[in-house]
Amino acid sequence: MSTFPGGEGPLQSGGPRHEHTQIELYGHVEGLCREETELLELAEHERTAHQHERLQAITAELDRIWEHLRERAQRLRRAV
């Protein structure tokens, strides 16, 4: 299952490299989401210190990505 709605269809492309980069990015985000889900499935008291730190790092990275996407959407709306 894709984290990105409509992710199964063709990507809008600025060329082969752009498409490749988008696929890598989607894969990275989906990997983070999968890892986050696995860590969240563990009871908090059962997580090791490393797992807790990793969960915090994943959360921070996903938050940064989300913020960049939100800002991009705002810029695109203003440009239209």
Protein backbone atom coordinates (compact mmCIF):
# COMPACT_ATOMS: atom_id res chain seq x y z
CA MET A 1 0.00 0.00 0.00
CA SER A 2 1.34 3.40 -0.93
CA THR A 3 1.57 6.24 1.56
CA PHE A 4 0.91 8.61 -1.31
CA PRO A 5 -2.62 8.64 -2.73
CA GLY A 6 -2.51 8.05 -6.44
CA GLY A 7 1.11 6.97 -6.18
CA GLU A 8 0.42 4.04 -8.43
CA GLY A 9 -0.05 6.23 -11.50
CA PRO A 10 2.60 7.91 -13.63
CA LEU A 11 4.59 10.67 -12.00
CA GLN A 12 4.60 14.12 -13.50
CA SER A 13 8.07 14.36 -14.84
CA GLY A 14 10.62 17.00 -15.54
CA GLY A 15 12.69 14.32 -17.23
CA PRO A 16 14.13 10.91 -16.34
CA ARG A 17 16.33 12.18 -13.50
CA HIS A 18 13.44 14.10 -11.92
CA GLU A 19 11.24 11.01 -12.05
CA HIS A 20 14.00 8.87 -10.56
CA THR A 21 14.45 11.39 -7.74
CA GLN A 22 10.71 11.41 -7.01
CA ILE A 23 10.63 7.62 -6.83
CA GLU A 24 13.61 7.64 -4.45
CA LEU A 25 11.92 10.26 -2.28
CA TYR A 26 8.63 8.36 -2.15
CA GLY A 27 10.50 5.20 -1.25
CA HIS A 28 12.40 7.00 1.49
CA VAL A 29 9.24 8.47 3.01
CA GLU A 30 7.40 5.16 2.82
CA GLY A 31 10.37 3.46 4.48
CA LEU A 32 10.30 6.02 7.29
CA CYS A 33 6.55 5.53 7.72
CA ARG A 34 6.96 1.77 7.81
CA GLU A 35 9.77 1.98 10.36
CA GLU A 36 7.78 4.45 12.46
CA THR A 37 4.78 2.12 12.43
CA GLU A 38 6.91 -0.83 13.52
CA LEU A 39 8.37 1.17 16.40
CA LEU A 40 4.99 2.51 17.47
CA GLU A 41 3.62 -1.02 17.58
CA LEU A 42 6.03 -1.72 20.43
CA ALA A 43 4.77 -0.70 23.84
CA GLU A 44 6.67 2.40 24.91
CA HIS A 45 8.14 0.66 27.95
CA GLU A 46 9.42 -2.17 25.71
CA ARG A 47 11.41 0.11 23.38
CA THR A 48 15.15 0.25 23.83
CA ALA A 49 16.87 3.61 24.18
CA HIS A 50 18.08 3.25 20.59
CA GLN A 51 14.55 2.53 19.35
CA HIS A 52 13.18 5.52 21.25
CA GLU A 53 15.87 7.79 19.77
CA ARG A 54 15.23 6.40 16.30
CA LEU A 55 11.51 7.05 16.64
CA GLN A 56 12.23 10.65 17.62
CA ALA A 57 14.55 11.05 14.63
CA ILE A 58 11.98 9.58 12.24
CA THR A 59 9.26 11.82 13.63
CA ALA A 60 11.45 14.90 13.21
CA GLU A 61 12.39 13.95 9.64
CA LEU A 62 8.79 13.25 8.62
CA ASP A 63 7.71 16.55 10.21
CA ARG A 64 10.37 18.40 8.17
CA ILE A 65 9.26 16.70 4.97
CA TRP A 66 5.60 17.47 5.71
CA GLU A 67 6.44 21.13 6.37
CA HIS A 68 8.34 21.39 3.07
CA LEU A 69 5.41 19.86 1.20
CA ARG A 70 2.96 22.22 2.91
CA GLU A 71 5.10 25.24 2.02
CA ARG A 72 5.41 24.01 -1.56
CA ALA A 73 1.64 23.62 -1.85
CA GLN A 74 1.17 27.18 -0.62
CA ARG A 75 3.68 28.51 -3.16
CA LEU A 76 1.98 26.61 -5.96
CA ARG A 77 -1.45 27.95 -4.97
CA ARG A 78 -0.10 31.51 -5.01
CA ALA A 79 1.53 30.96 -8.41
CA VAL A 80 -1.74 30.00 -10.09
